[in-house]
Every structure is written in structure tokens, then in C-alpha cells.
N, C-alpha and C. Protein backbone atom coordinates (compact mmCIF):
# COMPACT_ATOMS: atom_id res chain seq x y z
N MET A 1 86.47 -83.47 43.75
CA MET A 1 88.27 -84.06 42.90
C MET A 1 89.01 -82.73 43.72
N ILE A 2 90.19 -83.22 43.84
CA ILE A 2 91.29 -82.07 44.40
C ILE A 2 92.48 -81.52 43.30
N ARG A 3 92.41 -80.86 42.68
CA ARG A 3 93.64 -80.25 41.92
C ARG A 3 94.81 -79.68 42.78
N ILE A 4 95.85 -80.75 42.21
CA ILE A 4 97.51 -80.34 43.23
C ILE A 4 98.25 -79.12 42.41
N PRO A 5 98.44 -78.09 42.43
CA PRO A 5 99.03 -77.33 42.05
C PRO A 5 100.60 -77.97 41.92
N ALA A 6 101.60 -77.37 41.09
CA ALA A 6 103.15 -78.05 41.24
C ALA A 6 103.60 -77.38 42.43
N PHE A 7 103.20 -76.24 43.02
CA PHE A 7 103.70 -76.15 44.44
C PHE A 7 102.19 -75.43 45.03
N ALA A 8 102.38 -76.33 46.23
CA ALA A 8 100.85 -76.02 46.82
C ALA A 8 101.37 -76.01 48.52
N ALA A 9 101.98 -75.74 49.12
CA ALA A 9 102.41 -75.83 50.69
C ALA A 9 101.59 -75.45 51.42
N PRO A 10 100.77 -76.40 52.28
CA PRO A 10 99.89 -75.54 53.21
C PRO A 10 100.65 -75.15 54.19
N VAL A 11 101.44 -75.47 54.57
CA VAL A 11 102.44 -74.41 55.82
C VAL A 11 103.65 -74.04 54.86
N ARG A 12 104.28 -73.06 55.54
CA ARG A 12 105.68 -72.59 54.95
C ARG A 12 106.65 -73.27 54.41
N SER A 13 106.45 -74.28 55.18
CA SER A 13 108.04 -74.94 54.72
C SER A 13 107.72 -76.68 54.54
N ILE A 14 106.68 -77.08 53.97
CA ILE A 14 106.08 -78.12 54.30
C ILE A 14 106.34 -78.80 52.88
N SER A 15 106.60 -80.02 52.08
CA SER A 15 107.14 -80.31 50.77
C SER A 15 105.93 -80.26 49.88
N ALA A 16 105.99 -80.28 48.53
CA ALA A 16 104.83 -80.51 47.80
C ALA A 16 104.21 -81.65 47.51
N ALA A 17 104.98 -82.52 47.85
CA ALA A 17 105.08 -84.28 47.75
C ALA A 17 104.38 -84.61 49.06
N LEU A 18 104.47 -84.11 49.85
CA LEU A 18 103.79 -84.54 51.38
C LEU A 18 102.70 -83.81 51.17
N LEU A 19 102.42 -82.80 50.72
CA LEU A 19 100.94 -82.30 50.51
C LEU A 19 100.38 -82.94 49.95
N PHE A 20 100.59 -83.18 48.48
CA PHE A 20 100.21 -84.40 47.56
C PHE A 20 99.24 -85.64 48.65
N GLY A 21 100.02 -85.95 49.36
CA GLY A 21 99.76 -87.38 50.33
C GLY A 21 98.71 -86.75 51.03
N LEU A 22 98.84 -85.37 51.78
CA LEU A 22 98.09 -85.24 52.57
C LEU A 22 96.50 -84.83 51.73
N ALA A 23 96.59 -83.98 50.94
CA ALA A 23 95.14 -83.83 50.18
C ALA A 23 94.59 -85.23 49.68
N VAL A 24 95.40 -86.12 49.11
CA VAL A 24 94.75 -87.18 48.84
C VAL A 24 93.69 -88.13 50.06
N LEU A 25 94.70 -88.10 51.37
CA LEU A 25 94.21 -88.62 52.31
C LEU A 25 92.95 -87.89 52.81
N ALA A 26 93.04 -86.66 52.46
CA ALA A 26 91.77 -85.51 53.24
C ALA A 26 90.55 -85.96 52.56
N THR A 27 90.50 -86.56 51.34
CA THR A 27 89.64 -86.85 50.32
C THR A 27 89.34 -88.28 50.54
N ALA A 28 90.36 -89.39 50.71
CA ALA A 28 89.95 -90.52 50.73
C ALA A 28 89.49 -91.39 52.28
N GLY A 29 88.56 -92.20 52.37
CA GLY A 29 87.78 -92.92 53.55
C GLY A 29 89.23 -93.17 54.55
N PRO A 30 88.57 -93.46 55.74
CA PRO A 30 89.73 -94.05 56.59
C PRO A 30 90.27 -94.94 56.43
N ALA A 31 89.98 -95.99 55.75
CA ALA A 31 90.66 -97.50 55.67
C ALA A 31 91.94 -96.98 54.59
N THR A 32 91.60 -96.28 53.68
CA THR A 32 92.42 -95.83 52.29
C THR A 32 93.28 -94.93 52.94
N ALA A 33 93.22 -94.08 54.06
CA ALA A 33 94.12 -93.59 54.68
C ALA A 33 95.03 -94.16 55.54
N GLN A 34 94.68 -95.31 56.01
CA GLN A 34 95.25 -96.12 57.08
C GLN A 34 96.47 -96.68 56.09
N ARG A 35 95.86 -97.49 55.19
CA ARG A 35 96.45 -98.49 54.34
C ARG A 35 97.90 -97.35 53.71
N ALA A 36 97.54 -96.08 53.48
CA ALA A 36 98.27 -95.55 52.76
C ALA A 36 99.55 -95.05 53.86
N ALA A 37 99.09 -95.23 55.26
CA ALA A 37 100.35 -95.04 56.04
C ALA A 37 101.38 -95.59 56.41
N SER A 38 101.31 -97.05 55.64
CA SER A 38 102.50 -97.85 55.67
C SER A 38 103.85 -97.97 55.50
N GLY A 39 104.24 -96.70 54.58
CA GLY A 39 105.39 -96.06 54.31
C GLY A 39 106.00 -95.06 54.87
N GLN A 40 107.25 -94.59 54.96
CA GLN A 40 108.05 -93.67 55.78
C GLN A 40 107.56 -92.41 54.79
N GLY A 41 107.19 -91.29 55.40
CA GLY A 41 106.98 -90.35 54.72
C GLY A 41 105.54 -90.07 54.38
N GLN A 42 104.70 -91.27 54.98
CA GLN A 42 103.21 -91.29 54.61
C GLN A 42 102.47 -90.66 55.71
N ALA A 43 101.13 -90.00 55.53
CA ALA A 43 100.58 -89.63 56.42
C ALA A 43 99.67 -90.51 57.33
N LEU A 44 99.79 -90.45 58.74
CA LEU A 44 98.91 -91.76 59.07
C LEU A 44 97.57 -91.07 59.81
N LEU A 45 96.30 -91.57 59.65
CA LEU A 45 95.61 -91.11 60.25
C LEU A 45 95.15 -91.49 61.91
N LEU A 46 95.07 -90.33 62.64
CA LEU A 46 95.44 -90.51 63.97
C LEU A 46 93.97 -90.50 64.59
N GLU A 47 93.02 -89.75 64.09
CA GLU A 47 92.02 -89.47 64.64
C GLU A 47 90.70 -88.78 63.75
N SER A 48 89.11 -88.85 63.68
CA SER A 48 88.60 -88.25 63.28
C SER A 48 87.73 -87.82 64.25
N ALA A 49 86.87 -86.59 64.28
CA ALA A 49 86.02 -86.03 64.79
C ALA A 49 85.12 -84.95 64.04
N GLY A 50 83.97 -85.02 63.93
CA GLY A 50 83.00 -84.00 63.00
C GLY A 50 83.77 -84.26 61.69
N LYS A 51 84.02 -82.92 61.22
CA LYS A 51 84.68 -82.98 59.82
C LYS A 51 86.29 -82.81 59.78
N TRP A 52 86.46 -82.84 60.95
CA TRP A 52 87.97 -82.88 61.09
C TRP A 52 88.80 -84.11 61.37
N GLN A 53 89.70 -84.26 60.89
CA GLN A 53 90.93 -85.36 60.88
C GLN A 53 92.47 -85.12 61.22
N ALA A 54 92.86 -85.93 62.34
CA ALA A 54 94.49 -85.91 62.60
C ALA A 54 94.99 -86.47 62.15
N PHE A 55 96.65 -86.05 61.47
CA PHE A 55 97.51 -87.13 61.00
C PHE A 55 98.63 -86.56 61.46
N SER A 56 99.55 -87.68 61.34
CA SER A 56 100.93 -87.37 61.09
C SER A 56 101.70 -87.94 60.17
N SER A 57 102.72 -87.49 60.11
CA SER A 57 103.67 -87.89 59.47
C SER A 57 105.18 -87.68 59.51
N GLN A 58 106.19 -88.76 59.27
CA GLN A 58 107.66 -88.70 59.72
C GLN A 58 108.35 -88.84 58.25
N GLN A 59 109.21 -87.85 58.23
CA GLN A 59 110.22 -88.06 57.14
C GLN A 59 111.67 -87.61 57.80
N GLY A 60 112.56 -89.02 57.92
CA GLY A 60 113.81 -88.83 58.66
C GLY A 60 113.35 -88.46 59.87
N ARG A 61 114.13 -87.49 60.60
CA ARG A 61 113.95 -87.00 61.85
C ARG A 61 112.75 -85.76 61.84
N SER A 62 112.42 -85.44 60.69
CA SER A 62 111.23 -84.58 60.83
C SER A 62 109.94 -84.96 60.90
N LYS A 63 109.11 -84.63 61.88
CA LYS A 63 107.58 -85.08 62.30
C LYS A 63 106.85 -84.05 61.97
N VAL A 64 105.82 -83.96 61.29
CA VAL A 64 104.75 -83.16 61.03
C VAL A 64 102.94 -83.60 61.62
N CYS A 65 102.50 -83.24 62.39
CA CYS A 65 101.42 -83.31 63.03
C CYS A 65 100.48 -82.27 62.38
N TYR A 66 99.20 -82.75 62.08
CA TYR A 66 98.01 -81.46 61.90
C TYR A 66 96.57 -82.04 61.80
N ALA A 67 95.94 -81.12 62.09
CA ALA A 67 94.58 -81.13 61.84
C ALA A 67 94.15 -80.37 60.41
N LEU A 68 93.12 -81.37 59.97
CA LEU A 68 92.76 -81.25 58.68
C LEU A 68 91.27 -81.22 58.42
N ALA A 69 90.64 -79.81 57.90
CA ALA A 69 89.10 -80.37 57.11
C ALA A 69 89.18 -79.72 55.84
N LYS A 70 88.17 -80.17 54.99
CA LYS A 70 88.11 -79.59 53.75
C LYS A 70 86.49 -78.90 53.80
N ALA A 71 86.76 -77.81 53.10
CA ALA A 71 85.29 -76.80 52.98
C ALA A 71 84.28 -77.59 52.51
N GLU A 72 83.36 -77.22 53.49
CA GLU A 72 82.23 -77.74 53.09
C GLU A 72 80.97 -77.00 51.72
N SER A 73 81.27 -75.93 51.63
CA SER A 73 80.65 -75.22 50.67
C SER A 73 81.85 -73.81 50.09
N ARG A 74 81.44 -73.69 48.80
CA ARG A 74 81.93 -72.73 47.92
C ARG A 74 81.27 -71.75 47.14
N VAL A 75 81.73 -70.63 47.15
CA VAL A 75 81.08 -69.69 46.31
C VAL A 75 82.20 -68.98 45.55
N PRO A 76 82.17 -68.90 44.35
CA PRO A 76 81.07 -69.17 43.47
C PRO A 76 81.17 -70.69 42.98
N ALA A 77 79.96 -70.88 42.18
CA ALA A 77 79.85 -72.38 41.74
C ALA A 77 80.86 -73.02 40.90
N ASN A 78 81.21 -71.79 40.00
CA ASN A 78 82.16 -72.62 38.94
C ASN A 78 83.67 -73.32 39.76
N LEU A 79 83.94 -72.88 40.99
CA LEU A 79 84.72 -73.33 42.03
C LEU A 79 84.68 -74.30 42.61
N LYS A 80 83.63 -75.28 42.43
CA LYS A 80 83.17 -76.45 43.49
C LYS A 80 83.78 -77.65 42.95
N ASP A 81 84.26 -77.68 41.89
CA ASP A 81 85.06 -78.89 41.63
C ASP A 81 86.41 -79.04 42.24
N VAL A 82 87.10 -78.13 42.85
CA VAL A 82 87.90 -78.13 43.65
C VAL A 82 87.74 -77.85 45.18
N ASP A 83 88.27 -78.44 46.13
CA ASP A 83 88.22 -78.26 47.48
C ASP A 83 89.07 -77.49 47.94
N GLY A 84 89.09 -76.71 48.99
CA GLY A 84 89.61 -75.75 49.99
C GLY A 84 89.89 -76.80 51.12
N LEU A 85 91.34 -76.58 51.46
CA LEU A 85 91.81 -77.50 52.85
C LEU A 85 92.35 -76.37 53.76
N LEU A 86 91.95 -76.53 54.59
CA LEU A 86 92.45 -75.96 56.08
C LEU A 86 93.17 -77.20 57.06
N PHE A 87 94.40 -76.30 57.13
CA PHE A 87 95.08 -77.17 58.08
C PHE A 87 95.76 -76.35 59.40
N VAL A 88 95.90 -76.95 60.29
CA VAL A 88 96.62 -76.77 61.75
C VAL A 88 97.55 -77.64 62.08
N SER A 89 98.90 -77.08 61.73
CA SER A 89 100.01 -77.91 61.58
C SER A 89 100.91 -77.64 62.78
N THR A 90 101.68 -78.62 63.16
CA THR A 90 102.69 -78.46 64.33
C THR A 90 103.77 -79.19 63.92
N ARG A 91 105.12 -78.69 63.68
CA ARG A 91 106.55 -78.92 63.37
C ARG A 91 107.55 -79.04 64.18
N PRO A 92 107.67 -79.65 65.49
CA PRO A 92 108.44 -79.56 66.14
C PRO A 92 109.94 -79.23 66.00
N ALA A 93 110.38 -79.57 65.09
CA ALA A 93 111.78 -79.63 64.64
C ALA A 93 112.06 -78.22 64.29
N GLU A 94 111.04 -77.48 63.54
CA GLU A 94 110.99 -76.11 63.21
C GLU A 94 110.72 -74.92 64.51
N GLY A 95 110.16 -75.61 65.58
CA GLY A 95 109.60 -74.49 66.57
C GLY A 95 108.24 -73.92 66.19
N VAL A 96 107.59 -74.83 65.59
CA VAL A 96 106.11 -74.27 65.05
C VAL A 96 105.08 -74.96 65.60
N ARG A 97 104.20 -74.50 66.05
CA ARG A 97 103.06 -75.38 67.05
C ARG A 97 101.63 -74.46 66.61
N ASN A 98 100.72 -75.54 66.01
CA ASN A 98 99.45 -74.70 65.62
C ASN A 98 99.38 -73.81 64.65
N GLU A 99 100.18 -73.79 63.26
CA GLU A 99 99.99 -72.85 62.46
C GLU A 99 98.97 -73.07 61.47
N ILE A 100 98.08 -72.26 61.51
CA ILE A 100 96.62 -72.21 60.64
C ILE A 100 97.27 -71.83 59.25
N SER A 101 97.02 -72.57 58.04
CA SER A 101 96.64 -72.50 56.92
C SER A 101 95.63 -72.89 56.05
N LEU A 102 95.68 -72.39 54.99
CA LEU A 102 94.53 -72.94 53.90
C LEU A 102 95.34 -72.95 52.71
N VAL A 103 94.76 -74.38 52.02
CA VAL A 103 95.20 -74.41 50.39
C VAL A 103 93.54 -74.06 49.41
N MET A 104 93.87 -73.63 48.85
CA MET A 104 92.39 -73.03 48.33
C MET A 104 92.24 -73.97 46.81
N ASN A 105 93.38 -74.26 46.04
CA ASN A 105 93.12 -75.28 44.89
C ASN A 105 92.50 -74.19 43.79
N PHE A 106 93.14 -72.68 43.86
CA PHE A 106 92.97 -71.80 42.78
C PHE A 106 93.72 -70.75 42.78
N ASP A 107 94.05 -69.98 41.85
CA ASP A 107 95.10 -69.10 41.92
C ASP A 107 94.32 -67.91 43.05
N LEU A 108 94.99 -67.02 43.84
CA LEU A 108 94.48 -66.20 44.61
C LEU A 108 95.15 -64.75 44.47
N LYS A 109 94.35 -63.91 44.33
CA LYS A 109 95.02 -62.44 44.29
C LYS A 109 95.78 -62.09 45.18
N GLU A 110 96.80 -61.71 44.93
CA GLU A 110 97.96 -61.27 45.95
C GLU A 110 97.99 -59.65 46.63
N ASN A 111 98.43 -59.06 47.50
CA ASN A 111 98.57 -57.90 47.94
C ASN A 111 97.17 -57.56 47.87
N VAL A 112 96.17 -57.96 48.54
CA VAL A 112 94.81 -57.78 48.92
C VAL A 112 94.45 -58.50 50.26
N ASP A 113 93.25 -57.63 50.44
CA ASP A 113 92.89 -58.04 52.06
C ASP A 113 91.82 -59.65 51.89
N HIS A 114 92.43 -60.66 52.24
CA HIS A 114 91.51 -61.90 52.48
C HIS A 114 91.20 -62.27 53.79
N GLN A 115 89.93 -62.74 54.17
CA GLN A 115 89.51 -62.38 55.51
C GLN A 115 89.14 -64.21 56.23
N ALA A 116 89.38 -64.02 57.42
CA ALA A 116 88.75 -65.64 57.89
C ALA A 116 87.81 -65.32 59.14
N ILE A 117 86.54 -65.62 58.86
CA ILE A 117 85.24 -64.79 59.75
C ILE A 117 85.23 -66.25 60.80
N ILE A 118 84.60 -65.91 61.87
CA ILE A 118 84.28 -66.74 62.98
C ILE A 118 83.58 -65.98 63.74
N GLY A 119 82.16 -66.30 64.11
CA GLY A 119 81.35 -65.47 64.51
C GLY A 119 81.76 -64.05 64.18
N GLU A 120 81.87 -63.27 65.28
CA GLU A 120 82.17 -61.78 65.05
C GLU A 120 83.84 -61.38 65.04
N GLU A 121 84.34 -62.41 65.10
CA GLU A 121 85.75 -62.22 64.80
C GLU A 121 86.51 -62.32 63.56
N ARG A 122 87.42 -61.32 63.21
CA ARG A 122 87.63 -61.26 61.73
C ARG A 122 89.44 -61.42 61.90
N PHE A 123 89.84 -61.91 60.98
CA PHE A 123 91.36 -62.39 61.05
C PHE A 123 91.88 -62.01 59.66
N ALA A 124 92.80 -61.45 59.44
CA ALA A 124 93.20 -60.61 58.06
C ALA A 124 94.01 -62.00 57.66
N LEU A 125 93.90 -62.48 56.32
CA LEU A 125 94.88 -63.46 55.79
C LEU A 125 95.30 -62.80 54.59
N VAL A 126 96.83 -63.64 54.50
CA VAL A 126 97.58 -62.93 53.08
C VAL A 126 97.47 -64.61 52.23
N ALA A 127 97.70 -64.03 50.81
CA ALA A 127 98.01 -64.94 49.85
C ALA A 127 98.88 -65.00 49.29
N LYS A 128 99.35 -66.08 48.54
CA LYS A 128 100.75 -66.55 47.99
C LYS A 128 100.18 -67.57 46.86
N GLY A 129 100.01 -67.35 45.65
CA GLY A 129 99.36 -68.68 44.54
C GLY A 129 98.30 -68.58 45.23
N GLN A 130 98.35 -70.14 45.75
CA GLN A 130 96.83 -70.69 45.63
C GLN A 130 96.93 -71.00 47.52
N ASN A 131 97.61 -70.52 48.20
CA ASN A 131 97.66 -70.76 49.57
C ASN A 131 97.86 -69.56 50.64
N MET A 132 96.99 -69.48 51.78
CA MET A 132 96.60 -68.43 52.45
C MET A 132 97.26 -68.85 54.08
N TRP A 133 97.53 -67.80 54.47
CA TRP A 133 98.23 -67.98 55.99
C TRP A 133 97.37 -66.79 56.86
N LEU A 134 97.68 -66.56 58.22
CA LEU A 134 97.29 -65.07 58.78
C LEU A 134 98.43 -64.30 58.53
N LYS A 135 97.91 -63.17 58.25
CA LYS A 135 98.61 -62.20 58.05
C LYS A 135 99.40 -62.13 58.98
N ASN A 136 99.15 -61.93 60.57
CA ASN A 136 100.02 -61.67 61.51
C ASN A 136 99.92 -63.01 62.28
N PRO A 137 100.88 -63.82 62.06
CA PRO A 137 101.23 -64.80 62.50
C PRO A 137 100.86 -65.00 64.45
N ALA A 138 101.02 -63.79 64.95
CA ALA A 138 101.22 -63.87 66.30
C ALA A 138 99.32 -63.97 66.54
N GLU A 139 98.52 -63.81 65.90
CA GLU A 139 97.19 -63.96 66.26
C GLU A 139 96.56 -65.59 66.11
N GLU A 140 97.50 -66.48 65.89
CA GLU A 140 97.35 -67.88 65.62
C GLU A 140 96.72 -68.44 66.56
N ALA A 141 97.31 -68.07 67.68
CA ALA A 141 96.64 -68.86 69.23
C ALA A 141 95.24 -67.95 69.51
N ARG A 142 94.85 -66.78 69.03
CA ARG A 142 93.73 -66.31 69.19
C ARG A 142 92.67 -66.78 68.35
N MET A 143 92.94 -66.95 66.92
CA MET A 143 92.19 -67.32 65.67
C MET A 143 92.00 -68.93 66.41
N LEU A 144 92.95 -70.11 66.86
CA LEU A 144 92.54 -71.25 66.96
C LEU A 144 91.54 -71.20 68.32
N ASP A 145 91.85 -70.29 69.27
CA ASP A 145 90.68 -70.41 70.63
C ASP A 145 89.32 -70.01 70.11
N ALA A 146 89.36 -68.85 68.87
CA ALA A 146 88.04 -68.61 68.11
C ALA A 146 87.25 -69.97 67.37
N MET A 147 88.09 -70.58 66.87
CA MET A 147 87.75 -71.70 66.12
C MET A 147 87.34 -72.95 67.02
N ARG A 148 88.01 -72.96 68.53
CA ARG A 148 87.62 -74.00 69.48
C ARG A 148 86.14 -73.27 69.75
N ARG A 149 85.72 -72.13 69.95
CA ARG A 149 84.17 -71.96 70.77
C ARG A 149 83.49 -71.88 69.57
N GLY A 150 83.66 -71.58 68.25
CA GLY A 150 83.25 -71.38 67.25
C GLY A 150 82.18 -72.57 66.52
N ALA A 151 81.29 -72.51 65.69
CA ALA A 151 80.64 -73.04 64.86
C ALA A 151 81.23 -73.22 63.27
N THR A 152 81.08 -72.31 62.82
CA THR A 152 81.64 -71.95 61.64
C THR A 152 82.49 -71.25 61.27
N LEU A 153 83.64 -71.50 59.76
CA LEU A 153 84.44 -70.89 59.96
C LEU A 153 84.33 -70.06 58.38
N GLU A 154 84.13 -68.66 58.10
CA GLU A 154 84.17 -68.33 56.61
C GLU A 154 85.19 -68.03 56.03
N ILE A 155 85.86 -68.26 55.07
CA ILE A 155 87.06 -67.50 54.13
C ILE A 155 86.52 -66.93 53.19
N LYS A 156 86.98 -65.65 53.24
CA LYS A 156 86.68 -64.81 52.27
C LYS A 156 87.53 -63.92 51.60
N GLY A 157 87.84 -64.79 50.34
CA GLY A 157 89.19 -64.19 49.37
C GLY A 157 88.57 -63.68 47.99
N THR A 158 89.49 -63.33 47.08
CA THR A 158 89.54 -62.77 45.99
C THR A 158 90.64 -63.60 44.85
N SER A 159 89.90 -64.26 44.15
CA SER A 159 90.61 -64.82 43.11
C SER A 159 91.85 -64.20 42.09
N LYS A 160 92.41 -64.59 42.00
CA LYS A 160 93.48 -63.94 40.64
C LYS A 160 92.77 -63.39 39.45
N ARG A 161 91.51 -63.80 39.23
CA ARG A 161 90.87 -63.07 38.30
C ARG A 161 89.57 -62.11 38.80
N ASN A 162 89.92 -61.77 40.11
CA ASN A 162 89.32 -60.62 40.90
C ASN A 162 87.93 -61.01 41.08
N ASN A 163 88.06 -62.42 41.40
CA ASN A 163 86.15 -62.35 41.47
C ASN A 163 86.52 -62.87 43.06
N PRO A 164 85.19 -62.47 43.86
CA PRO A 164 84.82 -62.58 45.49
C PRO A 164 84.71 -64.20 45.53
N THR A 165 85.27 -64.99 46.65
CA THR A 165 85.14 -66.14 46.85
C THR A 165 84.92 -66.29 48.51
N SER A 166 84.20 -67.47 48.41
CA SER A 166 83.63 -67.83 49.88
C SER A 166 83.74 -69.23 50.14
N ASP A 167 84.62 -69.52 51.24
CA ASP A 167 84.52 -70.83 51.88
C ASP A 167 84.11 -71.01 53.14
N LYS A 168 83.40 -72.14 53.38
CA LYS A 168 82.62 -72.16 55.18
C LYS A 168 83.17 -73.62 55.35
N TYR A 169 83.73 -73.57 56.15
CA TYR A 169 84.40 -74.82 57.25
C TYR A 169 83.56 -74.99 58.24
N SER A 170 83.07 -76.34 58.73
CA SER A 170 82.61 -76.69 60.18
C SER A 170 83.67 -76.80 61.08
N LEU A 171 83.36 -76.13 62.08
CA LEU A 171 84.33 -76.22 63.46
C LEU A 171 83.96 -77.05 64.46
N ALA A 172 83.02 -78.23 64.16
CA ALA A 172 82.83 -79.69 64.82
C ALA A 172 83.48 -80.65 64.91
N GLY A 173 84.20 -80.82 65.88
CA GLY A 173 85.61 -81.51 66.58
C GLY A 173 86.81 -81.33 66.26
N VAL A 174 86.90 -79.88 65.91
CA VAL A 174 88.15 -78.86 65.67
C VAL A 174 88.82 -78.95 66.99
N SER A 175 88.80 -78.89 68.32
CA SER A 175 89.53 -78.90 69.60
C SER A 175 89.77 -80.44 69.72
N GLN A 176 89.23 -81.41 69.56
CA GLN A 176 89.47 -82.58 69.95
C GLN A 176 90.78 -83.12 68.74
N VAL A 177 90.55 -82.87 67.91
CA VAL A 177 91.32 -83.28 66.33
C VAL A 177 92.64 -82.56 66.56
N VAL A 178 92.61 -81.03 66.90
CA VAL A 178 93.90 -80.43 67.05
C VAL A 178 94.50 -81.04 68.23
N LYS A 179 94.30 -81.04 69.38
CA LYS A 179 94.53 -81.65 70.19
C LYS A 179 95.23 -82.89 70.55
N ARG A 180 94.70 -84.09 69.29
CA ARG A 180 95.27 -85.21 69.27
C ARG A 180 96.49 -84.86 68.20
N ALA A 181 96.28 -84.23 67.17
CA ALA A 181 97.76 -83.63 66.62
C ALA A 181 98.83 -83.18 67.11
N GLU A 182 98.41 -82.08 68.24
CA GLU A 182 99.31 -81.98 69.23
C GLU A 182 100.03 -82.79 69.92
N ASP A 183 99.19 -83.57 70.45
CA ASP A 183 100.02 -84.71 71.37
C ASP A 183 100.65 -85.68 70.52
N ALA A 184 100.56 -85.62 69.28
CA ALA A 184 101.33 -86.85 68.86
C ALA A 184 102.51 -86.26 68.42
N CYS A 185 102.89 -84.92 68.42
CA CYS A 185 104.36 -84.27 68.24
C CYS A 185 104.96 -83.65 68.96
N LYS A 186 104.00 -84.25 70.68
CA LYS A 186 105.29 -83.84 71.26
C LYS A 186 106.69 -84.46 71.56
């Protein structure tokens, strides 16, 4: 079950209403996702590979394309009833390509260091509410390259209650699905 907060944008400017649709589709089966895509502003499932899915959505003249994965594991155990989501988003109208963001679905401690770990590589994350982004957006290309080469991604954070947390994502299929999302927003 995913709990959607009142405002939980996975990217810096995407609407909460669109996020709700994205999160619902992320946990729905492909048939449900394709049926839900019939209206304007709805997300259309483009492709699935490994644990990843590619979607596109059009709201007016603004198109959003993104790759999405759900965390495979979460620690501590009391957070297992809410899912973490990892997005790689492209928004051509805003000049945004392959923005990496996370929706943790629990409140995070702000102004502390959170980390993304892929093999030996580490990336600093910044939190706002229930969301995380790379602290240095200039590292997005490097992190995406590490994701394409890696097998797993671990997100280490601290909850607002000061508890350490860890989400693990499979990176199987990420290259194929991110490319599909990129191609859909050219």
C-alpha cells in the first residue's frame, strides 16, 4: 500500500495530482496501468523491464516521461507498509532531462546527509518532506551512469523521528526503461 502525502512531488515541479496517478500506476498491474491511460493527463505505460517501468503523461502542452521503480526492501520493519519510489524524469518543456528523485512516503529529517550508494559510489541526497533529490544536480549524469552499470541501489536516510532507514532497489532493466522514457519525450 502506498500512502500519498498531501504534497509529494517526485520531481521539483510536478503536481501532486500527477504524482498520485504515478504512484497508483506504479503498484498496479500493467493492464490496470494501460486502462488508466485513456484520459488526458493520465500516465501511459510504455515499457517494463526488470523491476522498472517507463511512463509518459501529457497535461496540456507539458509532457512528462519517466522511469519508475519501487523499493524491493525497506528497513526498519515498521515502514514496510509504505513503498519507496525512485523516479528518473524528463520534462522537455522545462529543459529537464533524467532528473533523479525519490518519494519515501514517510517524513524525512531535513538538513542532514542522506546517501545513495551504488557499489563503491556514493551520492549525497537532500530531503524535503517525504522527497529526496541529489544534493548536487550536476551529479545526475554520473549517478545515472552508475545505475546503468550497477546491480543494486541503496538509499540511506534518516526519518524525521531520527531513525536510520534503508531502501534497496534493483537496477535490472534501468538502462532499457530510462532510454524508452527519454525517447518518448524527444
